[in-house]
Amino acid sequence: MRIGLFKKCWKLSKLINFQNEITKSESRLSPQQLFLRKKAHICKYLAKNLLDVKFSDVNLDENGISVREDALKKVKEDVEKAFTVLSQLFSYSRSDECLRDASDDLVPNVLTAEGTISEKAILAVLEKVIEMRHLSGSALISECFPSLLIYLIASKCDSSDLTR
């Protein structure tokens, strides 16, 4: 059974120890600043959970693996709900503002996700991001290219060799 989006976001807030971060020395940070500080972890977790397509949503045929259309629609709805909840959690006035700040970490994590059943699920997430950001696909990739390149290089070599 698929975990509800609210439960995922609740787990997300546990993952980053939201309350502990605020009560510690970072109490002067605004929620948006805290998001920007923790967005790499948030986006990695979010990409993994958004691409969690169940085997019951997959059809095997002679052409390979295909994901049912209703499952892809659900993935797109989950993207929108996730950024609506995150924007409220971190005091953004609109979800596209939160998504704008998260895109440079979310897109590389979506594109390089391990264990993803279908490329169509990846495309569904990216299409929804493009739609919510009101961008073209090439503009999104151009915007996220530096972080994607760093992510790919870091995955091929020891991250201590990299300097930003």
N, C-alpha and C. Protein backbone atom coordinates (compact mmCIF):
# COMPACT_ATOMS: atom_id res chain seq x y z
N MET A 1 0.84 -1.19 0.00
CA MET A 1 0.00 0.00 0.00
C MET A 1 0.88 1.24 0.00
N ARG A 2 0.55 2.18 -0.82
CA ARG A 2 1.35 3.40 -0.97
C ARG A 2 1.17 4.31 0.24
N ILE A 3 2.27 4.78 0.78
CA ILE A 3 2.22 5.69 1.92
C ILE A 3 1.66 7.01 1.43
N GLY A 4 0.77 7.59 2.20
CA GLY A 4 0.16 8.87 1.83
C GLY A 4 1.20 9.97 1.75
N LEU A 5 0.92 10.96 0.93
CA LEU A 5 1.85 12.06 0.74
C LEU A 5 2.11 12.81 2.03
N PHE A 6 1.08 12.97 2.84
CA PHE A 6 1.28 13.66 4.12
C PHE A 6 2.27 12.89 4.99
N LYS A 7 2.14 11.57 5.01
CA LYS A 7 3.06 10.76 5.81
C LYS A 7 4.48 10.88 5.27
N LYS A 8 4.63 10.95 3.94
CA LYS A 8 5.95 11.12 3.36
C LYS A 8 6.55 12.45 3.80
N CYS A 9 5.74 13.50 3.76
CA CYS A 9 6.25 14.80 4.18
C CYS A 9 6.55 14.83 5.67
N TRP A 10 5.75 14.11 6.45
CA TRP A 10 6.03 14.02 7.88
C TRP A 10 7.35 13.30 8.11
N LYS A 11 7.57 12.21 7.38
CA LYS A 11 8.85 11.52 7.47
C LYS A 11 9.98 12.43 7.03
N LEU A 12 9.72 13.23 6.01
CA LEU A 12 10.71 14.18 5.53
C LEU A 12 11.09 15.16 6.63
N SER A 13 10.10 15.67 7.33
CA SER A 13 10.41 16.62 8.40
C SER A 13 11.18 15.93 9.53
N LYS A 14 10.88 14.65 9.77
CA LYS A 14 11.67 13.90 10.75
C LYS A 14 13.09 13.73 10.26
N LEU A 15 13.22 13.43 8.96
CA LEU A 15 14.53 13.18 8.37
C LEU A 15 15.47 14.35 8.57
N ILE A 16 14.98 15.54 8.41
CA ILE A 16 15.86 16.70 8.54
C ILE A 16 15.85 17.29 9.94
N ASN A 17 15.13 16.63 10.85
CA ASN A 17 15.06 17.11 12.23
C ASN A 17 14.70 18.59 12.29
N PHE A 18 13.59 18.90 11.64
CA PHE A 18 13.15 20.28 11.50
C PHE A 18 13.07 20.99 12.84
N GLN A 19 12.42 20.37 13.81
CA GLN A 19 12.25 21.04 15.10
C GLN A 19 13.58 21.18 15.84
N ASN A 20 14.43 20.18 15.76
CA ASN A 20 15.73 20.27 16.43
C ASN A 20 16.60 21.35 15.81
N GLU A 21 16.54 21.49 14.49
CA GLU A 21 17.32 22.52 13.82
C GLU A 21 16.90 23.91 14.28
N ILE A 22 15.61 24.11 14.43
CA ILE A 22 15.12 25.43 14.82
C ILE A 22 15.50 25.74 16.26
N THR A 23 15.43 24.75 17.15
CA THR A 23 15.71 25.01 18.55
C THR A 23 17.20 25.10 18.84
N LYS A 24 18.05 24.65 17.95
CA LYS A 24 19.50 24.74 18.17
C LYS A 24 20.01 26.12 17.81
N SER A 25 21.27 26.19 17.48
CA SER A 25 21.91 27.48 17.20
C SER A 25 21.35 28.17 15.96
N GLU A 26 20.63 27.45 15.13
CA GLU A 26 20.10 28.04 13.91
C GLU A 26 18.71 28.62 14.12
N SER A 27 18.39 29.01 15.33
CA SER A 27 17.04 29.51 15.62
C SER A 27 16.74 30.82 14.90
N ARG A 28 17.75 31.50 14.44
CA ARG A 28 17.54 32.77 13.75
C ARG A 28 17.26 32.57 12.25
N LEU A 29 17.31 31.35 11.78
CA LEU A 29 17.05 31.08 10.36
C LEU A 29 15.55 31.11 10.08
N SER A 30 15.20 31.67 8.96
CA SER A 30 13.80 31.60 8.53
C SER A 30 13.56 30.20 7.97
N PRO A 31 12.31 29.78 7.87
CA PRO A 31 12.02 28.46 7.30
C PRO A 31 12.58 28.31 5.88
N GLN A 32 12.55 29.37 5.07
CA GLN A 32 13.10 29.30 3.72
C GLN A 32 14.61 29.09 3.75
N GLN A 33 15.29 29.77 4.66
CA GLN A 33 16.74 29.59 4.78
C GLN A 33 17.07 28.17 5.22
N LEU A 34 16.26 27.62 6.11
CA LEU A 34 16.46 26.24 6.54
C LEU A 34 16.26 25.28 5.36
N PHE A 35 15.24 25.55 4.54
CA PHE A 35 15.02 24.72 3.35
C PHE A 35 16.23 24.79 2.43
N LEU A 36 16.74 25.98 2.18
CA LEU A 36 17.89 26.13 1.28
C LEU A 36 19.11 25.41 1.83
N ARG A 37 19.24 25.39 3.14
CA ARG A 37 20.37 24.71 3.76
C ARG A 37 20.25 23.19 3.66
N LYS A 38 19.03 22.68 3.70
CA LYS A 38 18.80 21.23 3.72
C LYS A 38 18.24 20.68 2.41
N LYS A 39 18.18 21.51 1.37
CA LYS A 39 17.48 21.08 0.15
C LYS A 39 18.14 19.90 -0.54
N ALA A 40 19.43 19.72 -0.43
CA ALA A 40 20.07 18.56 -1.07
C ALA A 40 19.51 17.26 -0.49
N HIS A 41 19.38 17.20 0.83
CA HIS A 41 18.83 16.00 1.48
C HIS A 41 17.34 15.85 1.16
N ILE A 42 16.63 16.96 1.20
CA ILE A 42 15.19 16.92 0.94
C ILE A 42 14.92 16.44 -0.49
N CYS A 43 15.66 16.99 -1.45
CA CYS A 43 15.42 16.63 -2.85
C CYS A 43 15.82 15.20 -3.16
N LYS A 44 16.86 14.71 -2.53
CA LYS A 44 17.25 13.31 -2.72
C LYS A 44 16.15 12.39 -2.22
N TYR A 45 15.65 12.67 -1.05
CA TYR A 45 14.56 11.88 -0.46
C TYR A 45 13.30 12.00 -1.30
N LEU A 46 12.99 13.21 -1.73
CA LEU A 46 11.78 13.46 -2.50
C LEU A 46 11.83 12.76 -3.86
N ALA A 47 12.97 12.84 -4.54
CA ALA A 47 13.10 12.18 -5.85
C ALA A 47 12.90 10.67 -5.71
N LYS A 48 13.50 10.11 -4.69
CA LYS A 48 13.37 8.66 -4.47
C LYS A 48 11.90 8.28 -4.25
N ASN A 49 11.19 9.05 -3.46
CA ASN A 49 9.80 8.72 -3.15
C ASN A 49 8.84 9.06 -4.28
N LEU A 50 9.12 10.09 -5.05
CA LEU A 50 8.25 10.42 -6.18
C LEU A 50 8.34 9.37 -7.28
N LEU A 51 9.50 8.76 -7.41
CA LEU A 51 9.71 7.76 -8.47
C LEU A 51 9.40 6.35 -8.00
N ASP A 52 8.79 6.23 -6.85
CA ASP A 52 8.47 4.92 -6.28
C ASP A 52 7.21 4.36 -6.95
N VAL A 53 7.41 3.75 -8.11
CA VAL A 53 6.31 3.14 -8.85
C VAL A 53 6.25 1.68 -8.44
N LYS A 54 5.09 1.24 -8.04
CA LYS A 54 4.91 -0.13 -7.57
C LYS A 54 4.83 -1.10 -8.75
N PHE A 55 5.21 -2.35 -8.49
CA PHE A 55 5.14 -3.36 -9.53
C PHE A 55 3.70 -3.59 -10.00
N SER A 56 2.73 -3.31 -9.14
CA SER A 56 1.33 -3.46 -9.55
C SER A 56 0.92 -2.41 -10.58
N ASP A 57 1.71 -1.33 -10.70
CA ASP A 57 1.43 -0.28 -11.67
C ASP A 57 2.17 -0.50 -12.99
N VAL A 58 2.88 -1.62 -13.10
CA VAL A 58 3.73 -1.89 -14.26
C VAL A 58 3.16 -3.04 -15.07
N ASN A 59 3.21 -2.88 -16.38
CA ASN A 59 2.82 -3.95 -17.29
C ASN A 59 4.06 -4.44 -18.03
N LEU A 60 4.20 -5.75 -18.10
CA LEU A 60 5.29 -6.34 -18.87
C LEU A 60 4.72 -6.86 -20.18
N ASP A 61 5.33 -6.45 -21.27
CA ASP A 61 4.92 -6.96 -22.57
C ASP A 61 6.16 -7.22 -23.42
N GLU A 62 5.95 -7.55 -24.69
CA GLU A 62 7.09 -7.87 -25.56
C GLU A 62 7.97 -6.66 -25.82
N ASN A 63 7.46 -5.46 -25.62
CA ASN A 63 8.24 -4.24 -25.81
C ASN A 63 9.03 -3.85 -24.56
N GLY A 64 8.82 -4.55 -23.48
CA GLY A 64 9.52 -4.25 -22.23
C GLY A 64 8.56 -3.84 -21.14
N ILE A 65 9.02 -2.95 -20.29
CA ILE A 65 8.24 -2.51 -19.14
C ILE A 65 7.49 -1.23 -19.51
N SER A 66 6.23 -1.18 -19.16
CA SER A 66 5.46 0.06 -19.34
C SER A 66 4.65 0.32 -18.07
N VAL A 67 4.53 1.58 -17.74
CA VAL A 67 3.79 1.99 -16.55
C VAL A 67 2.39 2.40 -16.98
N ARG A 68 1.40 1.97 -16.22
CA ARG A 68 0.02 2.33 -16.53
C ARG A 68 -0.15 3.85 -16.48
N GLU A 69 -1.01 4.37 -17.34
CA GLU A 69 -1.24 5.81 -17.43
C GLU A 69 -1.77 6.40 -16.12
N ASP A 70 -2.62 5.67 -15.42
CA ASP A 70 -3.15 6.19 -14.15
C ASP A 70 -2.04 6.31 -13.11
N ALA A 71 -1.05 5.42 -13.17
CA ALA A 71 0.08 5.51 -12.24
C ALA A 71 0.94 6.73 -12.56
N LEU A 72 1.13 7.03 -13.85
CA LEU A 72 1.89 8.22 -14.24
C LEU A 72 1.15 9.49 -13.84
N LYS A 73 -0.16 9.48 -13.97
CA LYS A 73 -0.96 10.62 -13.54
C LYS A 73 -0.81 10.82 -12.03
N LYS A 74 -0.79 9.74 -11.29
CA LYS A 74 -0.62 9.80 -9.83
C LYS A 74 0.75 10.37 -9.47
N VAL A 75 1.79 9.99 -10.23
CA VAL A 75 3.13 10.53 -10.00
C VAL A 75 3.12 12.04 -10.18
N LYS A 76 2.48 12.52 -11.24
CA LYS A 76 2.40 13.96 -11.49
C LYS A 76 1.63 14.68 -10.38
N GLU A 77 0.55 14.06 -9.91
CA GLU A 77 -0.21 14.65 -8.81
C GLU A 77 0.63 14.69 -7.54
N ASP A 78 1.42 13.65 -7.32
CA ASP A 78 2.29 13.61 -6.13
C ASP A 78 3.33 14.72 -6.16
N VAL A 79 3.86 15.03 -7.34
CA VAL A 79 4.84 16.12 -7.46
C VAL A 79 4.18 17.43 -7.04
N GLU A 80 3.00 17.68 -7.57
CA GLU A 80 2.31 18.93 -7.24
C GLU A 80 1.97 19.00 -5.76
N LYS A 81 1.46 17.91 -5.20
CA LYS A 81 1.12 17.89 -3.77
C LYS A 81 2.36 18.06 -2.91
N ALA A 82 3.44 17.40 -3.28
CA ALA A 82 4.67 17.49 -2.49
C ALA A 82 5.17 18.92 -2.41
N PHE A 83 5.17 19.63 -3.53
CA PHE A 83 5.67 21.00 -3.49
C PHE A 83 4.67 21.97 -2.89
N THR A 84 3.40 21.63 -2.91
CA THR A 84 2.42 22.44 -2.19
C THR A 84 2.66 22.32 -0.69
N VAL A 85 2.87 21.09 -0.22
CA VAL A 85 3.13 20.86 1.21
C VAL A 85 4.47 21.47 1.62
N LEU A 86 5.51 21.27 0.81
CA LEU A 86 6.81 21.85 1.14
C LEU A 86 6.77 23.37 1.16
N SER A 87 6.04 23.96 0.23
CA SER A 87 5.95 25.42 0.23
C SER A 87 5.26 25.94 1.48
N GLN A 88 4.26 25.22 1.96
CA GLN A 88 3.59 25.62 3.20
C GLN A 88 4.50 25.37 4.40
N LEU A 89 5.17 24.24 4.41
CA LEU A 89 6.05 23.88 5.52
C LEU A 89 7.19 24.87 5.69
N PHE A 90 7.73 25.34 4.55
CA PHE A 90 8.88 26.23 4.61
C PHE A 90 8.53 27.68 4.27
N SER A 91 7.27 28.05 4.42
CA SER A 91 6.79 29.44 4.32
C SER A 91 7.05 30.11 2.97
N TYR A 92 6.90 29.38 1.90
CA TYR A 92 6.93 29.98 0.57
C TYR A 92 5.50 30.43 0.25
N SER A 93 5.38 31.54 -0.45
CA SER A 93 4.03 32.01 -0.78
C SER A 93 3.40 31.20 -1.91
N ARG A 94 4.22 30.63 -2.81
CA ARG A 94 3.71 29.80 -3.90
C ARG A 94 4.60 28.57 -4.07
N SER A 95 4.00 27.50 -4.55
CA SER A 95 4.77 26.26 -4.70
C SER A 95 5.82 26.37 -5.80
N ASP A 96 5.60 27.20 -6.81
CA ASP A 96 6.61 27.32 -7.86
C ASP A 96 7.87 28.03 -7.36
N GLU A 97 7.75 28.86 -6.32
CA GLU A 97 8.93 29.49 -5.72
C GLU A 97 9.78 28.44 -5.02
N CYS A 98 9.13 27.55 -4.30
CA CYS A 98 9.83 26.45 -3.63
C CYS A 98 10.49 25.55 -4.67
N LEU A 99 9.77 25.26 -5.72
CA LEU A 99 10.29 24.41 -6.79
C LEU A 99 11.46 25.06 -7.51
N ARG A 100 11.40 26.38 -7.68
CA ARG A 100 12.51 27.10 -8.31
C ARG A 100 13.79 26.93 -7.48
N ASP A 101 13.65 27.04 -6.16
CA ASP A 101 14.82 26.87 -5.29
C ASP A 101 15.30 25.42 -5.26
N ALA A 102 14.39 24.48 -5.45
CA ALA A 102 14.74 23.06 -5.33
C ALA A 102 15.20 22.43 -6.64
N SER A 103 14.89 23.04 -7.77
CA SER A 103 15.12 22.41 -9.07
C SER A 103 16.56 21.97 -9.30
N ASP A 104 17.53 22.80 -8.90
CA ASP A 104 18.92 22.44 -9.19
C ASP A 104 19.39 21.22 -8.40
N ASP A 105 18.68 20.83 -7.36
CA ASP A 105 18.98 19.58 -6.66
C ASP A 105 18.01 18.47 -7.02
N LEU A 106 16.77 18.81 -7.28
CA LEU A 106 15.76 17.79 -7.58
C LEU A 106 16.00 17.15 -8.95
N VAL A 107 16.24 17.95 -9.97
CA VAL A 107 16.38 17.42 -11.33
C VAL A 107 17.54 16.42 -11.44
N PRO A 108 18.75 16.73 -10.92
CA PRO A 108 19.81 15.71 -10.99
C PRO A 108 19.46 14.43 -10.24
N ASN A 109 18.79 14.55 -9.11
CA ASN A 109 18.39 13.35 -8.36
C ASN A 109 17.35 12.54 -9.11
N VAL A 110 16.45 13.20 -9.81
CA VAL A 110 15.44 12.49 -10.61
C VAL A 110 16.11 11.81 -11.81
N LEU A 111 16.98 12.54 -12.50
CA LEU A 111 17.61 12.00 -13.70
C LEU A 111 18.56 10.84 -13.41
N THR A 112 19.15 10.83 -12.24
CA THR A 112 20.13 9.78 -11.91
C THR A 112 19.60 8.82 -10.86
N ALA A 113 18.30 8.76 -10.70
CA ALA A 113 17.70 7.90 -9.68
C ALA A 113 18.05 6.44 -9.93
N GLU A 114 18.43 5.77 -8.87
CA GLU A 114 18.75 4.35 -8.96
C GLU A 114 17.52 3.52 -8.66
N GLY A 115 17.40 2.42 -9.34
CA GLY A 115 16.31 1.49 -9.06
C GLY A 115 14.96 1.93 -9.57
N THR A 116 14.93 2.89 -10.49
CA THR A 116 13.66 3.33 -11.04
C THR A 116 13.18 2.31 -12.06
N ILE A 117 11.94 1.93 -11.95
CA ILE A 117 11.38 0.92 -12.83
C ILE A 117 11.23 1.43 -14.25
N SER A 118 10.83 2.66 -14.41
CA SER A 118 10.47 3.15 -15.74
C SER A 118 10.99 4.55 -16.01
N GLU A 119 11.47 4.74 -17.23
CA GLU A 119 11.86 6.09 -17.65
C GLU A 119 10.63 6.99 -17.75
N LYS A 120 9.47 6.40 -17.98
CA LYS A 120 8.25 7.20 -18.08
C LYS A 120 7.92 7.87 -16.75
N ALA A 121 8.26 7.23 -15.64
CA ALA A 121 8.05 7.86 -14.33
C ALA A 121 8.97 9.06 -14.18
N ILE A 122 10.20 8.92 -14.63
CA ILE A 122 11.15 10.04 -14.59
C ILE A 122 10.63 11.18 -15.46
N LEU A 123 10.18 10.85 -16.65
CA LEU A 123 9.63 11.87 -17.55
C LEU A 123 8.39 12.54 -16.97
N ALA A 124 7.56 11.77 -16.28
CA ALA A 124 6.36 12.34 -15.67
C ALA A 124 6.72 13.39 -14.62
N VAL A 125 7.72 13.08 -13.79
CA VAL A 125 8.17 14.03 -12.77
C VAL A 125 8.73 15.28 -13.44
N LEU A 126 9.59 15.09 -14.43
CA LEU A 126 10.20 16.24 -15.11
C LEU A 126 9.16 17.08 -15.85
N GLU A 127 8.19 16.43 -16.48
CA GLU A 127 7.13 17.18 -17.17
C GLU A 127 6.34 18.04 -16.19
N LYS A 128 6.06 17.50 -15.02
CA LYS A 128 5.31 18.27 -14.02
C LYS A 128 6.13 19.43 -13.49
N VAL A 129 7.43 19.21 -13.30
CA VAL A 129 8.32 20.30 -12.86
C VAL A 129 8.33 21.40 -13.91
N ILE A 130 8.45 21.01 -15.18
CA ILE A 130 8.45 21.99 -16.27
C ILE A 130 7.13 22.76 -16.29
N GLU A 131 6.03 22.04 -16.14
CA GLU A 131 4.71 22.69 -16.13
C GLU A 131 4.57 23.66 -14.96
N MET A 132 4.97 23.22 -13.78
CA MET A 132 4.82 24.08 -12.59
C MET A 132 5.75 25.29 -12.64
N ARG A 133 6.91 25.13 -13.25
CA ARG A 133 7.87 26.23 -13.34
C ARG A 133 7.61 27.14 -14.53
N HIS A 134 6.72 26.75 -15.44
CA HIS A 134 6.42 27.51 -16.65
C HIS A 134 7.68 27.73 -17.49
N LEU A 135 8.43 26.64 -17.67
CA LEU A 135 9.67 26.67 -18.45
C LEU A 135 9.57 25.71 -19.62
N SER A 136 10.52 25.82 -20.52
CA SER A 136 10.67 24.79 -21.55
C SER A 136 11.63 23.73 -20.98
N GLY A 137 11.63 22.57 -21.58
CA GLY A 137 12.52 21.50 -21.13
C GLY A 137 13.98 21.90 -21.24
N SER A 138 14.33 22.56 -22.34
CA SER A 138 15.72 22.97 -22.52
C SER A 138 16.13 24.03 -21.50
N ALA A 139 15.22 24.91 -21.13
CA ALA A 139 15.53 25.93 -20.12
C ALA A 139 15.78 25.29 -18.76
N LEU A 140 14.98 24.28 -18.42
CA LEU A 140 15.17 23.59 -17.14
C LEU A 140 16.51 22.87 -17.11
N ILE A 141 16.84 22.16 -18.19
CA ILE A 141 18.11 21.44 -18.24
C ILE A 141 19.28 22.42 -18.22
N SER A 142 19.17 23.54 -18.94
CA SER A 142 20.23 24.55 -18.92
C SER A 142 20.43 25.11 -17.52
N GLU A 143 19.33 25.34 -16.83
CA GLU A 143 19.38 25.86 -15.46
C GLU A 143 20.02 24.86 -14.50
N CYS A 144 19.73 23.59 -14.70
CA CYS A 144 20.19 22.55 -13.78
C CYS A 144 21.48 21.88 -14.23
N PHE A 145 22.00 22.24 -15.40
CA PHE A 145 23.17 21.57 -15.95
C PHE A 145 24.39 21.60 -15.03
N PRO A 146 24.75 22.76 -14.45
CA PRO A 146 25.93 22.76 -13.57
C PRO A 146 25.81 21.79 -12.39
N SER A 147 24.67 21.78 -11.73
CA SER A 147 24.52 20.87 -10.59
C SER A 147 24.44 19.42 -11.05
N LEU A 148 23.86 19.17 -12.22
CA LEU A 148 23.82 17.81 -12.76
C LEU A 148 25.22 17.33 -13.09
N LEU A 149 26.03 18.19 -13.68
CA LEU A 149 27.40 17.85 -14.01
C LEU A 149 28.21 17.55 -12.75
N ILE A 150 28.08 18.38 -11.75
CA ILE A 150 28.78 18.14 -10.47
C ILE A 150 28.33 16.83 -9.86
N TYR A 151 27.03 16.58 -9.90
CA TYR A 151 26.48 15.34 -9.34
C TYR A 151 27.04 14.12 -10.06
N LEU A 152 27.10 14.17 -11.38
CA LEU A 152 27.61 13.04 -12.16
C LEU A 152 29.11 12.83 -11.94
N ILE A 153 29.87 13.91 -11.88
CA ILE A 153 31.30 13.79 -11.63
C ILE A 153 31.54 13.24 -10.23
N ALA A 154 30.80 13.72 -9.26
CA ALA A 154 30.96 13.26 -7.89
C ALA A 154 30.61 11.78 -7.76
N SER A 155 29.65 11.31 -8.54
CA SER A 155 29.29 9.90 -8.45
C SER A 155 30.35 9.00 -9.08
N LYS A 156 31.18 9.56 -9.96
CA LYS A 156 32.23 8.77 -10.62
C LYS A 156 33.56 8.79 -9.88
N CYS A 157 33.76 9.78 -9.04
CA CYS A 157 35.02 9.85 -8.31
C CYS A 157 34.73 10.19 -6.86
N ASP A 158 35.76 10.20 -6.06
CA ASP A 158 35.62 10.54 -4.65
C ASP A 158 35.21 11.99 -4.53
N SER A 159 34.16 12.25 -3.76
CA SER A 159 33.64 13.61 -3.64
C SER A 159 34.63 14.57 -2.97
N SER A 160 35.63 14.05 -2.27
CA SER A 160 36.62 14.92 -1.65
C SER A 160 37.54 15.55 -2.70
N ASP A 161 37.56 14.97 -3.91
CA ASP A 161 38.38 15.53 -4.98
C ASP A 161 37.75 16.76 -5.61
N LEU A 162 36.46 16.94 -5.37
CA LEU A 162 35.74 18.04 -5.99
C LEU A 162 35.77 19.29 -5.12
N THR A 163 35.93 20.40 -5.77
CA THR A 163 35.78 21.68 -5.08
C THR A 163 34.78 22.49 -5.87
N ARG A 164 33.94 23.17 -5.16
CA ARG A 164 32.91 23.98 -5.85
C ARG A 164 33.41 25.35 -6.10
